[in-house]
Amino acid sequence: MKTRPAFFHGIHGVLNHSLVGDRIFLSRFSGRDAGIRSLDQQLYGDFGGLRVARDAEDAQIVALVDGFSDEELVAGLRFDWRDRGMVEFPRHVVLGSMFNHATHHRGQAHGLISQTELEPPPLDFGIYLMEERERAQAGA
């Protein structure tokens, strides 16, 4: 197997960058400064801290999305896009961009994990839904 270059210096860096991206996106919805100064800013130096932060960020994303009405999803969201200045898009478009960004970098992490002795997790959304259903049924 040919080793490929690592985006953001490896698996940890890619996962860290994905969290950086989500914090930037969430700050656009809240209007608060995310404290992000660079796209490769290291938020957590270890996988344990990164995992805890990822879980917390995911809970915030779920709460955000759950809180939107249909009208709010199509309403405009105006924010400063760093080097592009002030822009405005419907909220659902910004959410789509956020999820697309995360999917992109999870794919990169998956590719990097594939180069190790570990088996990467499945990425198919249908498998995820079936596994979630199975977990829910087992817990019921």
N, C-alpha and C. Protein backbone atom coordinates (compact mmCIF):
# COMPACT_ATOMS: atom_id res chain seq x y z
N MET A 1 0.85 -1.18 0.00
CA MET A 1 0.00 0.00 0.00
C MET A 1 0.89 1.24 0.00
N LYS A 2 0.56 2.18 -0.85
CA LYS A 2 1.32 3.42 -0.94
C LYS A 2 0.85 4.39 0.14
N THR A 3 1.79 4.93 0.88
CA THR A 3 1.46 5.91 1.90
C THR A 3 1.18 7.25 1.24
N ARG A 4 0.12 7.88 1.64
CA ARG A 4 -0.30 9.17 1.10
C ARG A 4 0.07 10.29 2.07
N PRO A 5 0.22 11.51 1.57
CA PRO A 5 0.48 12.63 2.48
C PRO A 5 -0.72 12.82 3.41
N ALA A 6 -0.44 13.30 4.59
CA ALA A 6 -1.50 13.49 5.59
C ALA A 6 -1.96 14.95 5.60
N PHE A 7 -3.26 15.13 5.47
CA PHE A 7 -3.85 16.45 5.61
C PHE A 7 -3.75 16.88 7.07
N PHE A 8 -3.40 18.12 7.32
CA PHE A 8 -3.31 18.66 8.68
C PHE A 8 -2.40 17.79 9.56
N HIS A 9 -1.40 17.20 8.97
CA HIS A 9 -0.33 16.48 9.68
C HIS A 9 -0.77 15.18 10.32
N GLY A 10 -1.86 14.59 9.87
CA GLY A 10 -2.23 13.28 10.38
C GLY A 10 -3.67 13.19 10.85
N ILE A 11 -4.01 12.04 11.38
CA ILE A 11 -5.38 11.76 11.80
C ILE A 11 -5.84 12.74 12.86
N HIS A 12 -5.02 12.94 13.89
CA HIS A 12 -5.39 13.87 14.95
C HIS A 12 -5.59 15.28 14.40
N GLY A 13 -4.71 15.70 13.52
CA GLY A 13 -4.82 17.04 12.94
C GLY A 13 -6.08 17.22 12.11
N VAL A 14 -6.45 16.20 11.34
CA VAL A 14 -7.67 16.28 10.53
C VAL A 14 -8.90 16.36 11.42
N LEU A 15 -8.95 15.50 12.44
CA LEU A 15 -10.10 15.51 13.35
C LEU A 15 -10.16 16.82 14.13
N ASN A 16 -9.01 17.34 14.51
CA ASN A 16 -8.95 18.62 15.19
C ASN A 16 -9.46 19.74 14.27
N HIS A 17 -9.02 19.72 13.01
CA HIS A 17 -9.47 20.74 12.06
C HIS A 17 -10.99 20.67 11.85
N SER A 18 -11.53 19.48 11.82
CA SER A 18 -12.98 19.34 11.68
C SER A 18 -13.71 20.01 12.84
N LEU A 19 -13.17 19.86 14.05
CA LEU A 19 -13.75 20.53 15.21
C LEU A 19 -13.59 22.05 15.10
N VAL A 20 -12.43 22.49 14.64
CA VAL A 20 -12.21 23.93 14.41
C VAL A 20 -13.28 24.45 13.45
N GLY A 21 -13.50 23.72 12.35
CA GLY A 21 -14.49 24.14 11.38
C GLY A 21 -15.89 24.22 11.98
N ASP A 22 -16.27 23.23 12.76
CA ASP A 22 -17.59 23.26 13.37
C ASP A 22 -17.74 24.43 14.34
N ARG A 23 -16.69 24.73 15.05
CA ARG A 23 -16.76 25.88 15.97
C ARG A 23 -16.91 27.19 15.19
N ILE A 24 -16.25 27.29 14.07
CA ILE A 24 -16.42 28.48 13.23
C ILE A 24 -17.85 28.56 12.73
N PHE A 25 -18.37 27.45 12.22
CA PHE A 25 -19.75 27.45 11.73
C PHE A 25 -20.73 27.79 12.84
N LEU A 26 -20.59 27.18 14.01
CA LEU A 26 -21.52 27.47 15.10
C LEU A 26 -21.44 28.92 15.54
N SER A 27 -20.25 29.51 15.46
CA SER A 27 -20.12 30.92 15.83
C SER A 27 -20.88 31.81 14.86
N ARG A 28 -21.02 31.36 13.63
CA ARG A 28 -21.79 32.13 12.66
C ARG A 28 -23.25 32.19 13.05
N PHE A 29 -23.75 31.12 13.61
CA PHE A 29 -25.15 31.09 14.05
C PHE A 29 -25.35 31.87 15.34
N SER A 30 -24.38 31.82 16.24
CA SER A 30 -24.53 32.48 17.54
C SER A 30 -24.11 33.95 17.50
N GLY A 31 -23.26 34.30 16.52
CA GLY A 31 -22.74 35.67 16.47
C GLY A 31 -21.62 35.92 17.47
N ARG A 32 -21.15 34.87 18.16
CA ARG A 32 -20.07 35.01 19.13
C ARG A 32 -18.75 34.55 18.51
N ASP A 33 -17.68 35.12 19.01
CA ASP A 33 -16.34 34.76 18.54
C ASP A 33 -16.02 33.34 19.01
N ALA A 34 -15.61 32.49 18.10
CA ALA A 34 -15.28 31.10 18.43
C ALA A 34 -13.89 30.97 19.04
N GLY A 35 -13.10 32.02 18.98
CA GLY A 35 -11.74 31.96 19.50
C GLY A 35 -10.78 31.23 18.58
N ILE A 36 -11.19 31.02 17.35
CA ILE A 36 -10.35 30.32 16.37
C ILE A 36 -9.50 31.36 15.65
N ARG A 37 -8.20 31.16 15.65
CA ARG A 37 -7.29 32.11 15.02
C ARG A 37 -6.66 31.57 13.75
N SER A 38 -6.68 30.24 13.58
CA SER A 38 -6.16 29.65 12.34
C SER A 38 -6.87 28.32 12.10
N LEU A 39 -6.91 27.91 10.84
CA LEU A 39 -7.63 26.69 10.49
C LEU A 39 -6.90 25.44 10.96
N ASP A 40 -5.64 25.56 11.32
CA ASP A 40 -4.92 24.40 11.86
C ASP A 40 -4.62 24.58 13.35
N GLN A 41 -5.37 25.47 14.00
CA GLN A 41 -5.21 25.69 15.44
C GLN A 41 -5.46 24.38 16.19
N GLN A 42 -4.53 24.00 17.03
CA GLN A 42 -4.69 22.76 17.81
C GLN A 42 -5.50 23.07 19.05
N LEU A 43 -6.68 22.48 19.13
CA LEU A 43 -7.57 22.70 20.27
C LEU A 43 -7.28 21.74 21.41
N TYR A 44 -6.93 20.51 21.07
CA TYR A 44 -6.66 19.47 22.07
C TYR A 44 -5.46 18.66 21.60
N GLY A 45 -4.52 18.44 22.48
CA GLY A 45 -3.29 17.75 22.13
C GLY A 45 -3.38 16.24 22.16
N ASP A 46 -4.49 15.71 22.66
CA ASP A 46 -4.62 14.26 22.75
C ASP A 46 -5.99 13.83 22.22
N PHE A 47 -6.06 12.57 21.82
CA PHE A 47 -7.31 12.05 21.27
C PHE A 47 -8.43 12.03 22.31
N GLY A 48 -8.10 11.79 23.57
CA GLY A 48 -9.12 11.75 24.62
C GLY A 48 -9.84 13.08 24.77
N GLY A 49 -9.08 14.16 24.89
CA GLY A 49 -9.68 15.48 25.00
C GLY A 49 -10.44 15.87 23.75
N LEU A 50 -9.89 15.49 22.61
CA LEU A 50 -10.54 15.78 21.33
C LEU A 50 -11.88 15.05 21.24
N ARG A 51 -11.92 13.80 21.70
CA ARG A 51 -13.15 13.00 21.65
C ARG A 51 -14.24 13.61 22.54
N VAL A 52 -13.87 14.01 23.74
CA VAL A 52 -14.84 14.64 24.66
C VAL A 52 -15.38 15.92 24.04
N ALA A 53 -14.49 16.73 23.48
CA ALA A 53 -14.90 17.99 22.85
C ALA A 53 -15.77 17.73 21.63
N ARG A 54 -15.44 16.70 20.85
CA ARG A 54 -16.23 16.35 19.65
C ARG A 54 -17.65 15.96 20.05
N ASP A 55 -17.77 15.15 21.10
CA ASP A 55 -19.10 14.75 21.57
C ASP A 55 -19.91 15.96 22.03
N ALA A 56 -19.27 16.87 22.74
CA ALA A 56 -19.96 18.08 23.22
C ALA A 56 -20.37 18.96 22.04
N GLU A 57 -19.49 19.09 21.06
CA GLU A 57 -19.80 19.91 19.88
C GLU A 57 -20.97 19.30 19.10
N ASP A 58 -20.96 17.98 18.96
CA ASP A 58 -22.05 17.31 18.26
C ASP A 58 -23.38 17.55 18.97
N ALA A 59 -23.38 17.54 20.29
CA ALA A 59 -24.61 17.81 21.05
C ALA A 59 -25.09 19.24 20.78
N GLN A 60 -24.17 20.18 20.67
CA GLN A 60 -24.55 21.56 20.36
C GLN A 60 -25.14 21.67 18.96
N ILE A 61 -24.56 20.94 18.03
CA ILE A 61 -25.07 20.97 16.65
C ILE A 61 -26.48 20.39 16.59
N VAL A 62 -26.70 19.27 17.27
CA VAL A 62 -28.03 18.67 17.30
C VAL A 62 -29.03 19.64 17.92
N ALA A 63 -28.67 20.27 19.03
CA ALA A 63 -29.56 21.23 19.68
C ALA A 63 -29.87 22.41 18.76
N LEU A 64 -28.86 22.90 18.06
CA LEU A 64 -29.06 24.00 17.13
C LEU A 64 -30.07 23.62 16.06
N VAL A 65 -29.84 22.50 15.40
CA VAL A 65 -30.70 22.08 14.30
C VAL A 65 -32.11 21.79 14.80
N ASP A 66 -32.21 21.11 15.95
CA ASP A 66 -33.52 20.81 16.51
C ASP A 66 -34.32 22.07 16.85
N GLY A 67 -33.61 23.16 17.13
CA GLY A 67 -34.28 24.39 17.54
C GLY A 67 -34.80 25.25 16.40
N PHE A 68 -34.47 24.93 15.16
CA PHE A 68 -34.90 25.76 14.04
C PHE A 68 -36.30 25.38 13.58
N SER A 69 -37.10 26.39 13.35
CA SER A 69 -38.39 26.19 12.68
C SER A 69 -38.13 26.18 11.17
N ASP A 70 -39.13 25.76 10.41
CA ASP A 70 -38.98 25.78 8.95
C ASP A 70 -38.68 27.19 8.45
N GLU A 71 -39.33 28.18 9.05
CA GLU A 71 -39.11 29.57 8.64
C GLU A 71 -37.69 30.02 8.94
N GLU A 72 -37.18 29.63 10.09
CA GLU A 72 -35.82 30.02 10.47
C GLU A 72 -34.78 29.37 9.56
N LEU A 73 -35.06 28.16 9.09
CA LEU A 73 -34.11 27.47 8.22
C LEU A 73 -33.92 28.18 6.87
N VAL A 74 -34.96 28.82 6.39
CA VAL A 74 -34.85 29.51 5.10
C VAL A 74 -34.47 30.98 5.25
N ALA A 75 -34.48 31.47 6.49
CA ALA A 75 -34.12 32.87 6.73
C ALA A 75 -32.62 33.07 6.49
N GLY A 76 -32.26 34.27 6.13
CA GLY A 76 -30.86 34.58 5.86
C GLY A 76 -30.02 34.62 7.12
N LEU A 77 -28.78 34.24 6.96
CA LEU A 77 -27.79 34.34 8.03
C LEU A 77 -26.63 35.15 7.48
N ARG A 78 -26.36 36.26 8.11
CA ARG A 78 -25.30 37.16 7.68
C ARG A 78 -24.12 36.98 8.62
N PHE A 79 -22.93 36.81 8.04
CA PHE A 79 -21.74 36.62 8.87
C PHE A 79 -20.50 37.04 8.09
N ASP A 80 -19.43 37.24 8.84
CA ASP A 80 -18.14 37.63 8.26
C ASP A 80 -17.38 36.37 7.90
N TRP A 81 -17.12 36.18 6.61
CA TRP A 81 -16.44 34.99 6.12
C TRP A 81 -14.96 35.30 5.95
N ARG A 82 -14.32 35.55 7.06
CA ARG A 82 -12.89 35.84 7.14
C ARG A 82 -12.39 36.69 5.97
N ASP A 83 -11.77 36.08 4.98
CA ASP A 83 -11.14 36.82 3.89
C ASP A 83 -12.11 37.27 2.81
N ARG A 84 -13.38 36.91 2.92
CA ARG A 84 -14.35 37.29 1.89
C ARG A 84 -15.30 38.39 2.34
N GLY A 85 -15.19 38.79 3.59
CA GLY A 85 -16.04 39.85 4.11
C GLY A 85 -17.42 39.35 4.49
N MET A 86 -18.36 40.28 4.60
CA MET A 86 -19.72 39.94 5.01
C MET A 86 -20.46 39.27 3.86
N VAL A 87 -21.11 38.14 4.18
CA VAL A 87 -21.90 37.39 3.21
C VAL A 87 -23.22 37.03 3.88
N GLU A 88 -24.19 36.64 3.06
CA GLU A 88 -25.47 36.17 3.60
C GLU A 88 -25.96 35.00 2.77
N PHE A 89 -26.36 33.94 3.48
CA PHE A 89 -26.95 32.74 2.88
C PHE A 89 -28.11 32.29 3.75
N PRO A 90 -29.05 31.56 3.18
CA PRO A 90 -30.08 30.95 4.03
C PRO A 90 -29.43 30.00 5.04
N ARG A 91 -30.02 29.92 6.22
CA ARG A 91 -29.44 29.07 7.28
C ARG A 91 -29.26 27.62 6.81
N HIS A 92 -30.22 27.09 6.05
CA HIS A 92 -30.10 25.70 5.63
C HIS A 92 -28.90 25.51 4.71
N VAL A 93 -28.51 26.51 3.96
CA VAL A 93 -27.33 26.42 3.11
C VAL A 93 -26.06 26.41 3.97
N VAL A 94 -26.03 27.23 5.01
CA VAL A 94 -24.87 27.26 5.90
C VAL A 94 -24.76 25.91 6.63
N LEU A 95 -25.90 25.36 7.06
CA LEU A 95 -25.86 24.04 7.70
C LEU A 95 -25.35 22.99 6.72
N GLY A 96 -25.81 23.04 5.48
CA GLY A 96 -25.32 22.10 4.48
C GLY A 96 -23.82 22.22 4.28
N SER A 97 -23.31 23.45 4.28
CA SER A 97 -21.87 23.67 4.15
C SER A 97 -21.12 23.09 5.35
N MET A 98 -21.69 23.27 6.54
CA MET A 98 -21.06 22.74 7.75
C MET A 98 -20.98 21.22 7.68
N PHE A 99 -22.07 20.57 7.30
CA PHE A 99 -22.08 19.11 7.24
C PHE A 99 -21.19 18.61 6.10
N ASN A 100 -21.16 19.32 5.00
CA ASN A 100 -20.28 18.94 3.89
C ASN A 100 -18.81 19.02 4.32
N HIS A 101 -18.46 20.09 5.04
CA HIS A 101 -17.09 20.25 5.54
C HIS A 101 -16.72 19.07 6.43
N ALA A 102 -17.60 18.72 7.36
CA ALA A 102 -17.32 17.62 8.28
C ALA A 102 -17.18 16.30 7.53
N THR A 103 -18.06 16.07 6.56
CA THR A 103 -18.00 14.83 5.78
C THR A 103 -16.68 14.74 5.01
N HIS A 104 -16.28 15.84 4.43
CA HIS A 104 -15.02 15.89 3.68
C HIS A 104 -13.84 15.45 4.56
N HIS A 105 -13.76 16.03 5.76
CA HIS A 105 -12.61 15.72 6.62
C HIS A 105 -12.73 14.36 7.29
N ARG A 106 -13.94 13.89 7.53
CA ARG A 106 -14.07 12.52 8.03
C ARG A 106 -13.60 11.54 6.98
N GLY A 107 -13.86 11.84 5.72
CA GLY A 107 -13.35 11.00 4.64
C GLY A 107 -11.83 10.99 4.61
N GLN A 108 -11.22 12.16 4.84
CA GLN A 108 -9.76 12.21 4.90
C GLN A 108 -9.24 11.38 6.07
N ALA A 109 -9.87 11.51 7.23
CA ALA A 109 -9.45 10.71 8.39
C ALA A 109 -9.61 9.23 8.10
N HIS A 110 -10.70 8.87 7.45
CA HIS A 110 -10.94 7.47 7.08
C HIS A 110 -9.81 6.95 6.19
N GLY A 111 -9.42 7.76 5.22
CA GLY A 111 -8.33 7.37 4.34
C GLY A 111 -7.02 7.19 5.09
N LEU A 112 -6.76 8.07 6.04
CA LEU A 112 -5.52 7.95 6.82
C LEU A 112 -5.57 6.73 7.73
N ILE A 113 -6.72 6.47 8.34
CA ILE A 113 -6.85 5.28 9.19
C ILE A 113 -6.66 4.02 8.35
N SER A 114 -7.13 4.06 7.10
CA SER A 114 -6.98 2.91 6.21
C SER A 114 -5.52 2.56 5.96
N GLN A 115 -4.62 3.50 6.20
CA GLN A 115 -3.19 3.26 6.00
C GLN A 115 -2.52 2.68 7.24
N THR A 116 -3.31 2.45 8.30
CA THR A 116 -2.76 1.88 9.53
C THR A 116 -3.22 0.43 9.66
N GLU A 117 -2.86 -0.19 10.76
CA GLU A 117 -3.30 -1.56 11.01
C GLU A 117 -4.73 -1.61 11.53
N LEU A 118 -5.32 -0.47 11.85
CA LEU A 118 -6.69 -0.41 12.34
C LEU A 118 -7.68 -0.49 11.19
N GLU A 119 -8.83 -1.08 11.45
CA GLU A 119 -9.89 -1.09 10.45
C GLU A 119 -10.72 0.18 10.63
N PRO A 120 -10.85 0.99 9.61
CA PRO A 120 -11.63 2.22 9.76
C PRO A 120 -13.11 1.89 9.92
N PRO A 121 -13.85 2.75 10.60
CA PRO A 121 -15.29 2.50 10.76
C PRO A 121 -16.01 2.69 9.44
N PRO A 122 -17.18 2.07 9.30
CA PRO A 122 -17.94 2.28 8.06
C PRO A 122 -18.42 3.73 7.98
N LEU A 123 -18.46 4.27 6.78
CA LEU A 123 -18.92 5.65 6.58
C LEU A 123 -20.33 5.72 5.99
N ASP A 124 -20.86 4.58 5.55
CA ASP A 124 -22.17 4.57 4.92
C ASP A 124 -23.25 5.00 5.90
N PHE A 125 -24.03 6.01 5.53
CA PHE A 125 -25.04 6.55 6.43
C PHE A 125 -26.12 5.51 6.74
N GLY A 126 -26.44 4.66 5.78
CA GLY A 126 -27.44 3.61 6.02
C GLY A 126 -26.99 2.65 7.09
N ILE A 127 -25.71 2.29 7.10
CA ILE A 127 -25.18 1.41 8.14
C ILE A 127 -25.28 2.11 9.49
N TYR A 128 -24.95 3.39 9.54
CA TYR A 128 -25.07 4.15 10.78
C TYR A 128 -26.51 4.11 11.30
N LEU A 129 -27.48 4.35 10.42
CA LEU A 129 -28.88 4.34 10.84
C LEU A 129 -29.31 2.98 11.36
N MET A 130 -28.88 1.92 10.68
CA MET A 130 -29.23 0.57 11.14
C MET A 130 -28.59 0.27 12.50
N GLU A 131 -27.34 0.66 12.69
CA GLU A 131 -26.68 0.43 13.97
C GLU A 131 -27.34 1.23 15.09
N GLU A 132 -27.74 2.46 14.79
CA GLU A 132 -28.45 3.27 15.78
C GLU A 132 -29.78 2.62 16.16
N ARG A 133 -30.49 2.12 15.19
CA ARG A 133 -31.76 1.43 15.44
C ARG A 133 -31.53 0.20 16.32
N GLU A 134 -30.49 -0.56 16.01
CA GLU A 134 -30.16 -1.75 16.80
C GLU A 134 -29.81 -1.38 18.24
N ARG A 135 -29.04 -0.31 18.42
CA ARG A 135 -28.69 0.14 19.78
C ARG A 135 -29.94 0.57 20.53
N ALA A 136 -30.83 1.29 19.86
CA ALA A 136 -32.06 1.74 20.51
C ALA A 136 -32.94 0.56 20.91
N GLN A 137 -33.03 -0.44 20.05
CA GLN A 137 -33.85 -1.61 20.36
C GLN A 137 -33.24 -2.42 21.50
N ALA A 138 -31.91 -2.49 21.54
CA ALA A 138 -31.24 -3.22 22.61
C ALA A 138 -31.42 -2.53 23.95
N GLY A 139 -31.51 -1.19 23.92
CA GLY A 139 -31.66 -0.42 25.16
C GLY A 139 -33.10 -0.31 25.61
N ALA A 140 -34.06 -0.70 24.77
CA ALA A 140 -35.48 -0.54 25.12
C ALA A 140 -36.00 -1.65 26.00
